[in-house]
Amino acid sequence: GGSLRLSCAASGFSLNAMVWYLQAPGKQRELVAA
């Protein structure tokens, strides 16, 4: 029920389109948002 805000900071280049993945325990990475 809680909340979190994750950040992804780019350095050395300008951030283009970006994708977030979740890798749950024992599972492959899955696309979450873009």
PDB file of all heavy atoms in Angstrom:
ATOM      1  N   GLY A   1       0.785  -1.218   0.000  1.00  0.00           N
ATOM      2  CA  GLY A   1       0.000   0.000   0.000  1.00  0.00           C
ATOM      3  C   GLY A   1       0.816   1.267   0.000  1.00  0.00           C
ATOM      4  O   GLY A   1       0.283   2.362  -0.211  1.00  0.00           O
ATOM      5  N   GLY A   2       2.117   1.120   0.215  1.00  0.00           N
ATOM      6  CA  GLY A   2       2.991   2.279   0.253  1.00  0.00           C
ATOM      7  C   GLY A   2       3.389   2.760  -1.127  1.00  0.00           C
ATOM      8  O   GLY A   2       2.926   2.238  -2.155  1.00  0.00           O
ATOM      9  N   SER A   3       4.260   3.778  -1.150  1.00  0.00           N
ATOM     10  CA  SER A   3       4.685   4.400  -2.409  1.00  0.00           C
ATOM     11  C   SER A   3       6.196   4.602  -2.421  1.00  0.00           C
ATOM     12  O   SER A   3       6.832   4.722  -1.363  1.00  0.00           O
ATOM     13  CB  SER A   3       4.012   5.765  -2.578  1.00  0.00           C
ATOM     14  OG  SER A   3       2.610   5.644  -2.591  1.00  0.00           O
ATOM     15  N   LEU A   4       6.743   4.642  -3.612  1.00  0.00           N
ATOM     16  CA  LEU A   4       8.155   4.954  -3.801  1.00  0.00           C
ATOM     17  C   LEU A   4       8.298   5.744  -5.093  1.00  0.00           C
ATOM     18  O   LEU A   4       7.491   5.583  -6.024  1.00  0.00           O
ATOM     19  CB  LEU A   4       9.001   3.684  -3.924  1.00  0.00           C
ATOM     20  CG  LEU A   4       9.315   2.878  -2.675  1.00  0.00           C
ATOM     21  CD1 LEU A   4      10.028   1.587  -3.067  1.00  0.00           C
ATOM     22  CD2 LEU A   4      10.181   3.689  -1.718  1.00  0.00           C
ATOM     23  N   ARG A   5       9.348   6.555  -5.175  1.00  0.00           N
ATOM     24  CA  ARG A   5       9.685   7.195  -6.435  1.00  0.00           C
ATOM     25  C   ARG A   5      11.121   6.808  -6.783  1.00  0.00           C
ATOM     26  O   ARG A   5      12.053   7.135  -6.032  1.00  0.00           O
ATOM     27  CB  ARG A   5       9.565   8.710  -6.385  1.00  0.00           C
ATOM     28  CG  ARG A   5       9.727   9.324  -7.784  1.00  0.00           C
ATOM     29  CD  ARG A   5       9.493  10.818  -7.821  1.00  0.00           C
ATOM     30  NE  ARG A   5      10.653  11.559  -7.355  1.00  0.00           N
ATOM     31  CZ  ARG A   5      10.910  12.823  -7.701  1.00  0.00           C
ATOM     32  NH1 ARG A   5      10.087  13.459  -8.522  1.00  0.00           N
ATOM     33  NH2 ARG A   5      11.967  13.438  -7.207  1.00  0.00           N
ATOM     34  N   LEU A   6      11.255   6.109  -7.892  1.00  0.00           N
ATOM     35  CA  LEU A   6      12.569   5.686  -8.372  1.00  0.00           C
ATOM     36  C   LEU A   6      13.095   6.724  -9.345  1.00  0.00           C
ATOM     37  O   LEU A   6      12.341   7.310 -10.124  1.00  0.00           O
ATOM     38  CB  LEU A   6      12.458   4.331  -9.062  1.00  0.00           C
ATOM     39  CG  LEU A   6      11.746   3.224  -8.275  1.00  0.00           C
ATOM     40  CD1 LEU A   6      11.747   1.926  -9.082  1.00  0.00           C
ATOM     41  CD2 LEU A   6      12.381   3.022  -6.922  1.00  0.00           C
ATOM     42  N   SER A   7      14.416   6.924  -9.304  1.00  0.00           N
ATOM     43  CA  SER A   7      15.066   7.872 -10.200  1.00  0.00           C
ATOM     44  C   SER A   7      16.097   7.167 -11.054  1.00  0.00           C
ATOM     45  O   SER A   7      16.715   6.194 -10.620  1.00  0.00           O
ATOM     46  CB  SER A   7      15.765   8.978  -9.395  1.00  0.00           C
ATOM     47  OG  SER A   7      14.849   9.693  -8.599  1.00  0.00           O
ATOM     48  N   CYS A   8      16.274   7.677 -12.258  1.00  0.00           N
ATOM     49  CA  CYS A   8      17.306   7.170 -13.173  1.00  0.00           C
ATOM     50  C   CYS A   8      18.009   8.373 -13.761  1.00  0.00           C
ATOM     51  O   CYS A   8      17.438   9.086 -14.595  1.00  0.00           O
ATOM     52  CB  CYS A   8      16.665   6.318 -14.262  1.00  0.00           C
ATOM     53  SG  CYS A   8      17.824   5.728 -15.514  1.00  0.00           S
ATOM     54  N   ALA A   9      19.227   8.610 -13.321  1.00  0.00           N
ATOM     55  CA  ALA A   9      19.989   9.773 -13.748  1.00  0.00           C
ATOM     56  C   ALA A   9      21.050   9.384 -14.766  1.00  0.00           C
ATOM     57  O   ALA A   9      21.829   8.454 -14.535  1.00  0.00           O
ATOM     58  CB  ALA A   9      20.649  10.437 -12.546  1.00  0.00           C
ATOM     59  N   ALA A  10      21.065  10.098 -15.887  1.00  0.00           N
ATOM     60  CA  ALA A  10      22.062   9.854 -16.928  1.00  0.00           C
ATOM     61  C   ALA A  10      23.201  10.850 -16.787  1.00  0.00           C
ATOM     62  O   ALA A  10      22.965  12.033 -16.502  1.00  0.00           O
ATOM     63  CB  ALA A  10      21.425   9.987 -18.305  1.00  0.00           C
ATOM     64  N   SER A  11      24.406  10.385 -16.982  1.00  0.00           N
ATOM     65  CA  SER A  11      25.562  11.280 -16.998  1.00  0.00           C
ATOM     66  C   SER A  11      26.427  10.938 -18.202  1.00  0.00           C
ATOM     67  O   SER A  11      26.558   9.780 -18.575  1.00  0.00           O
ATOM     68  CB  SER A  11      26.366  11.153 -15.704  1.00  0.00           C
ATOM     69  OG  SER A  11      26.844   9.828 -15.533  1.00  0.00           O
ATOM     70  N   GLY A  12      26.987  11.958 -18.811  1.00  0.00           N
ATOM     71  CA  GLY A  12      27.855  11.752 -19.966  1.00  0.00           C
ATOM     72  C   GLY A  12      27.125  11.754 -21.295  1.00  0.00           C
ATOM     73  O   GLY A  12      27.765  11.699 -22.348  1.00  0.00           O
ATOM     74  N   PHE A  13      25.803  11.804 -21.256  1.00  0.00           N
ATOM     75  CA  PHE A  13      24.998  11.890 -22.482  1.00  0.00           C
ATOM     76  C   PHE A  13      23.612  12.393 -22.116  1.00  0.00           C
ATOM     77  O   PHE A  13      23.209  12.350 -20.957  1.00  0.00           O
ATOM     78  CB  PHE A  13      24.902  10.524 -23.172  1.00  0.00           C
ATOM     79  CG  PHE A  13      24.184   9.468 -22.373  1.00  0.00           C
ATOM     80  CD1 PHE A  13      22.834   9.221 -22.588  1.00  0.00           C
ATOM     81  CD2 PHE A  13      24.841   8.726 -21.403  1.00  0.00           C
ATOM     82  CE1 PHE A  13      22.155   8.263 -21.857  1.00  0.00           C
ATOM     83  CE2 PHE A  13      24.172   7.762 -20.665  1.00  0.00           C
ATOM     84  CZ  PHE A  13      22.831   7.529 -20.892  1.00  0.00           C
ATOM     85  N   SER A  14      22.877  12.870 -23.128  1.00  0.00           N
ATOM     86  CA  SER A  14      21.513  13.350 -22.895  1.00  0.00           C
ATOM     87  C   SER A  14      20.549  12.177 -22.911  1.00  0.00           C
ATOM     88  O   SER A  14      20.618  11.313 -23.788  1.00  0.00           O
ATOM     89  CB  SER A  14      21.114  14.361 -23.968  1.00  0.00           C
ATOM     90  OG  SER A  14      21.921  15.513 -23.879  1.00  0.00           O
ATOM     91  N   LEU A  15      19.658  12.176 -21.942  1.00  0.00           N
ATOM     92  CA  LEU A  15      18.712  11.079 -21.818  1.00  0.00           C
ATOM     93  C   LEU A  15      17.740  11.079 -23.002  1.00  0.00           C
ATOM     94  O   LEU A  15      17.116  12.097 -23.294  1.00  0.00           O
ATOM     95  CB  LEU A  15      17.941  11.232 -20.507  1.00  0.00           C
ATOM     96  CG  LEU A  15      17.140  10.042 -20.017  1.00  0.00           C
ATOM     97  CD1 LEU A  15      18.036   8.856 -19.734  1.00  0.00           C
ATOM     98  CD2 LEU A  15      16.358  10.421 -18.767  1.00  0.00           C
ATOM     99  N   ASN A  16      17.631   9.948 -23.676  1.00  0.00           N
ATOM    100  CA  ASN A  16      16.671   9.805 -24.764  1.00  0.00           C
ATOM    101  C   ASN A  16      15.416   9.103 -24.245  1.00  0.00           C
ATOM    102  O   ASN A  16      15.059   9.257 -23.083  1.00  0.00           O
ATOM    103  CB  ASN A  16      17.316   9.022 -25.906  1.00  0.00           C
ATOM    104  CG  ASN A  16      18.446   9.797 -26.562  1.00  0.00           C
ATOM    105  OD1 ASN A  16      18.335  11.002 -26.774  1.00  0.00           O
ATOM    106  ND2 ASN A  16      19.536   9.116 -26.864  1.00  0.00           N
ATOM    107  N   ALA A  17      14.748   8.344 -25.088  1.00  0.00           N
ATOM    108  CA  ALA A  17      13.651   7.513 -24.601  1.00  0.00           C
ATOM    109  C   ALA A  17      14.192   6.559 -23.554  1.00  0.00           C
ATOM    110  O   ALA A  17      15.336   6.086 -23.659  1.00  0.00           O
ATOM    111  CB  ALA A  17      13.037   6.734 -25.756  1.00  0.00           C
ATOM    112  N   MET A  18      13.410   6.300 -22.544  1.00  0.00           N
ATOM    113  CA  MET A  18      13.905   5.505 -21.430  1.00  0.00           C
ATOM    114  C   MET A  18      12.866   4.476 -21.019  1.00  0.00           C
ATOM    115  O   MET A  18      11.667   4.732 -21.098  1.00  0.00           O
ATOM    116  CB  MET A  18      14.239   6.424 -20.260  1.00  0.00           C
ATOM    117  CG  MET A  18      15.320   5.906 -19.343  1.00  0.00           C
ATOM    118  SD  MET A  18      14.658   4.701 -18.213  1.00  0.00           S
ATOM    119  CE  MET A  18      13.617   5.744 -17.232  1.00  0.00           C
ATOM    120  N   VAL A  19      13.335   3.329 -20.565  1.00  0.00           N
ATOM    121  CA  VAL A  19      12.468   2.212 -20.209  1.00  0.00           C
ATOM    122  C   VAL A  19      12.823   1.728 -18.813  1.00  0.00           C
ATOM    123  O   VAL A  19      13.999   1.662 -18.453  1.00  0.00           O
ATOM    124  CB  VAL A  19      12.633   1.050 -21.209  1.00  0.00           C
ATOM    125  CG1 VAL A  19      11.669  -0.075 -20.867  1.00  0.00           C
ATOM    126  CG2 VAL A  19      12.379   1.530 -22.630  1.00  0.00           C
ATOM    127  N   TRP A  20      11.788   1.396 -18.036  1.00  0.00           N
ATOM    128  CA  TRP A  20      11.982   0.761 -16.725  1.00  0.00           C
ATOM    129  C   TRP A  20      11.586  -0.708 -16.822  1.00  0.00           C
ATOM    130  O   TRP A  20      10.545  -1.045 -17.398  1.00  0.00           O
ATOM    131  CB  TRP A  20      11.113   1.424 -15.660  1.00  0.00           C
ATOM    132  CG  TRP A  20      11.608   2.738 -15.164  1.00  0.00           C
ATOM    133  CD1 TRP A  20      11.227   3.983 -15.568  1.00  0.00           C
ATOM    134  CD2 TRP A  20      12.577   2.950 -14.131  1.00  0.00           C
ATOM    135  NE1 TRP A  20      11.893   4.952 -14.862  1.00  0.00           N
ATOM    136  CE2 TRP A  20      12.726   4.340 -13.964  1.00  0.00           C
ATOM    137  CE3 TRP A  20      13.332   2.097 -13.313  1.00  0.00           C
ATOM    138  CZ2 TRP A  20      13.597   4.907 -13.033  1.00  0.00           C
ATOM    139  CZ3 TRP A  20      14.191   2.655 -12.390  1.00  0.00           C
ATOM    140  CH2 TRP A  20      14.320   4.044 -12.261  1.00  0.00           C
ATOM    141  N   TYR A  21      12.414  -1.561 -16.215  1.00  0.00           N
ATOM    142  CA  TYR A  21      12.142  -2.984 -16.119  1.00  0.00           C
ATOM    143  C   TYR A  21      12.116  -3.399 -14.652  1.00  0.00           C
ATOM    144  O   TYR A  21      12.782  -2.804 -13.817  1.00  0.00           O
ATOM    145  CB  TYR A  21      13.243  -3.810 -16.806  1.00  0.00           C
ATOM    146  CG  TYR A  21      13.262  -3.733 -18.307  1.00  0.00           C
ATOM    147  CD1 TYR A  21      13.858  -2.663 -18.967  1.00  0.00           C
ATOM    148  CD2 TYR A  21      12.705  -4.749 -19.072  1.00  0.00           C
ATOM    149  CE1 TYR A  21      13.888  -2.603 -20.344  1.00  0.00           C
ATOM    150  CE2 TYR A  21      12.736  -4.698 -20.461  1.00  0.00           C
ATOM    151  CZ  TYR A  21      13.334  -3.623 -21.080  1.00  0.00           C
ATOM    152  OH  TYR A  21      13.368  -3.571 -22.453  1.00  0.00           O
ATOM    153  N   LEU A  22      11.370  -4.464 -14.383  1.00  0.00           N
ATOM    154  CA  LEU A  22      11.387  -5.110 -13.076  1.00  0.00           C
ATOM    155  C   LEU A  22      11.894  -6.538 -13.242  1.00  0.00           C
ATOM    156  O   LEU A  22      11.406  -7.275 -14.102  1.00  0.00           O
ATOM    157  CB  LEU A  22       9.986  -5.155 -12.466  1.00  0.00           C
ATOM    158  CG  LEU A  22       9.781  -6.116 -11.282  1.00  0.00           C
ATOM    159  CD1 LEU A  22      10.662  -5.707 -10.105  1.00  0.00           C
ATOM    160  CD2 LEU A  22       8.327  -6.171 -10.883  1.00  0.00           C
ATOM    161  N   GLN A  23      12.875  -6.888 -12.428  1.00  0.00           N
ATOM    162  CA  GLN A  23      13.290  -8.283 -12.350  1.00  0.00           C
ATOM    163  C   GLN A  23      12.894  -8.810 -10.987  1.00  0.00           C
ATOM    164  O   GLN A  23      13.564  -8.525  -9.973  1.00  0.00           O
ATOM    165  CB  GLN A  23      14.791  -8.448 -12.578  1.00  0.00           C
ATOM    166  CG  GLN A  23      15.209  -9.906 -12.654  1.00  0.00           C
ATOM    167  CD  GLN A  23      16.550 -10.108 -13.309  1.00  0.00           C
ATOM    168  OE1 GLN A  23      17.372  -9.194 -13.411  1.00  0.00           O
ATOM    169  NE2 GLN A  23      16.805 -11.319 -13.778  1.00  0.00           N
ATOM    170  N   ALA A  24      11.795  -9.530 -10.949  1.00  0.00           N
ATOM    171  CA  ALA A  24      11.329 -10.117  -9.701  1.00  0.00           C
ATOM    172  C   ALA A  24      12.202 -11.331  -9.359  1.00  0.00           C
ATOM    173  O   ALA A  24      12.824 -11.919 -10.253  1.00  0.00           O
ATOM    174  CB  ALA A  24       9.875 -10.520  -9.826  1.00  0.00           C
ATOM    175  N   PRO A  25      12.254 -11.707  -8.098  1.00  0.00           N
ATOM    176  CA  PRO A  25      13.092 -12.854  -7.704  1.00  0.00           C
ATOM    177  C   PRO A  25      12.763 -14.110  -8.502  1.00  0.00           C
ATOM    178  O   PRO A  25      11.603 -14.514  -8.579  1.00  0.00           O
ATOM    179  CB  PRO A  25      12.751 -13.030  -6.226  1.00  0.00           C
ATOM    180  CG  PRO A  25      12.335 -11.677  -5.772  1.00  0.00           C
ATOM    181  CD  PRO A  25      11.620 -11.068  -6.937  1.00  0.00           C
ATOM    182  N   GLY A  26      13.792 -14.701  -9.119  1.00  0.00           N
ATOM    183  CA  GLY A  26      13.608 -15.930  -9.875  1.00  0.00           C
ATOM    184  C   GLY A  26      12.960 -15.765 -11.233  1.00  0.00           C
ATOM    185  O   GLY A  26      12.654 -16.767 -11.887  1.00  0.00           O
ATOM    186  N   LYS A  27      12.754 -14.528 -11.678  1.00  0.00           N
ATOM    187  CA  LYS A  27      12.084 -14.289 -12.956  1.00  0.00           C
ATOM    188  C   LYS A  27      12.945 -13.448 -13.882  1.00  0.00           C
ATOM    189  O   LYS A  27      13.914 -12.837 -13.452  1.00  0.00           O
ATOM    190  CB  LYS A  27      10.735 -13.594 -12.717  1.00  0.00           C
ATOM    191  CG  LYS A  27       9.740 -14.420 -11.933  1.00  0.00           C
ATOM    192  CD  LYS A  27       8.409 -13.724 -11.850  1.00  0.00           C
ATOM    193  CE  LYS A  27       7.389 -14.557 -11.116  1.00  0.00           C
ATOM    194  NZ  LYS A  27       6.049 -13.874 -11.052  1.00  0.00           N
ATOM    195  N   GLN A  28      12.569 -13.423 -15.145  1.00  0.00           N
ATOM    196  CA  GLN A  28      13.272 -12.591 -16.103  1.00  0.00           C
ATOM    197  C   GLN A  28      12.832 -11.139 -15.963  1.00  0.00           C
ATOM    198  O   GLN A  28      11.777 -10.835 -15.401  1.00  0.00           O
ATOM    199  CB  GLN A  28      12.983 -13.076 -17.527  1.00  0.00           C
ATOM    200  CG  GLN A  28      13.568 -14.445 -17.836  1.00  0.00           C
ATOM    201  CD  GLN A  28      13.367 -14.832 -19.283  1.00  0.00           C
ATOM    202  OE1 GLN A  28      12.420 -14.395 -19.920  1.00  0.00           O
ATOM    203  NE2 GLN A  28      14.259 -15.666 -19.809  1.00  0.00           N
ATOM    204  N   ARG A  29      13.632 -10.251 -16.496  1.00  0.00           N
ATOM    205  CA  ARG A  29      13.267  -8.843 -16.484  1.00  0.00           C
ATOM    206  C   ARG A  29      12.039  -8.623 -17.352  1.00  0.00           C
ATOM    207  O   ARG A  29      11.950  -9.134 -18.464  1.00  0.00           O
ATOM    208  CB  ARG A  29      14.415  -7.977 -17.013  1.00  0.00           C
ATOM    209  CG  ARG A  29      15.598  -7.929 -16.087  1.00  0.00           C
ATOM    210  CD  ARG A  29      16.690  -7.020 -16.588  1.00  0.00           C
ATOM    211  NE  ARG A  29      17.912  -7.232 -15.820  1.00  0.00           N
ATOM    212  CZ  ARG A  29      19.023  -6.540 -15.963  1.00  0.00           C
ATOM    213  NH1 ARG A  29      19.087  -5.572 -16.862  1.00  0.00           N
ATOM    214  NH2 ARG A  29      20.073  -6.814 -15.230  1.00  0.00           N
ATOM    215  N   GLU A  30      11.113  -7.836 -16.831  1.00  0.00           N
ATOM    216  CA  GLU A  30       9.899  -7.525 -17.555  1.00  0.00           C
ATOM    217  C   GLU A  30       9.735  -6.015 -17.662  1.00  0.00           C
ATOM    218  O   GLU A  30      10.017  -5.278 -16.713  1.00  0.00           O
ATOM    219  CB  GLU A  30       8.677  -8.122 -16.852  1.00  0.00           C
ATOM    220  CG  GLU A  30       8.647  -9.637 -16.850  1.00  0.00           C
ATOM    221  CD  GLU A  30       7.381 -10.183 -16.235  1.00  0.00           C
ATOM    222  OE1 GLU A  30       6.673  -9.415 -15.558  1.00  0.00           O
ATOM    223  OE2 GLU A  30       7.090 -11.380 -16.416  1.00  0.00           O
ATOM    224  N   LEU A  31       9.251  -5.590 -18.811  1.00  0.00           N
ATOM    225  CA  LEU A  31       9.015  -4.176 -19.040  1.00  0.00           C
ATOM    226  C   LEU A  31       7.892  -3.689 -18.136  1.00  0.00           C
ATOM    227  O   LEU A  31       6.862  -4.359 -17.994  1.00  0.00           O
ATOM    228  CB  LEU A  31       8.645  -3.950 -20.506  1.00  0.00           C
ATOM    229  CG  LEU A  31       8.364  -2.526 -20.951  1.00  0.00           C
ATOM    230  CD1 LEU A  31       9.605  -1.685 -20.816  1.00  0.00           C
ATOM    231  CD2 LEU A  31       7.866  -2.526 -22.381  1.00  0.00           C
ATOM    232  N   VAL A  32       8.102  -2.541 -17.519  1.00  0.00           N
ATOM    233  CA  VAL A  32       7.109  -1.961 -16.617  1.00  0.00           C
ATOM    234  C   VAL A  32       6.524  -0.679 -17.195  1.00  0.00           C
ATOM    235  O   VAL A  32       5.311  -0.476 -17.193  1.00  0.00           O
ATOM    236  CB  VAL A  32       7.741  -1.674 -15.233  1.00  0.00           C
ATOM    237  CG1 VAL A  32       6.770  -0.935 -14.336  1.00  0.00           C
ATOM    238  CG2 VAL A  32       8.198  -2.962 -14.575  1.00  0.00           C
ATOM    239  N   ALA A  33       7.407   0.186 -17.668  1.00  0.00           N
ATOM    240  CA  ALA A  33       6.960   1.478 -18.176  1.00  0.00           C
ATOM    241  C   ALA A  33       8.029   2.053 -19.085  1.00  0.00           C
ATOM    242  O   ALA A  33       9.202   1.669 -19.005  1.00  0.00           O
ATOM    243  CB  ALA A  33       6.672   2.444 -17.027  1.00  0.00           C
ATOM    244  N   ALA A  34       7.611   2.979 -19.936  1.00  0.00           N
ATOM    245  CA  ALA A  34       8.547   3.627 -20.854  1.00  0.00           C
ATOM    246  C   ALA A  34       8.124   5.070 -21.052  1.00  0.00           C
ATOM    247  O   ALA A  34       6.944   5.417 -20.870  1.00  0.00           O
ATOM    248  CB  ALA A  34       8.581   2.901 -22.190  1.00  0.00           C
TER     249      ALA A  34
END
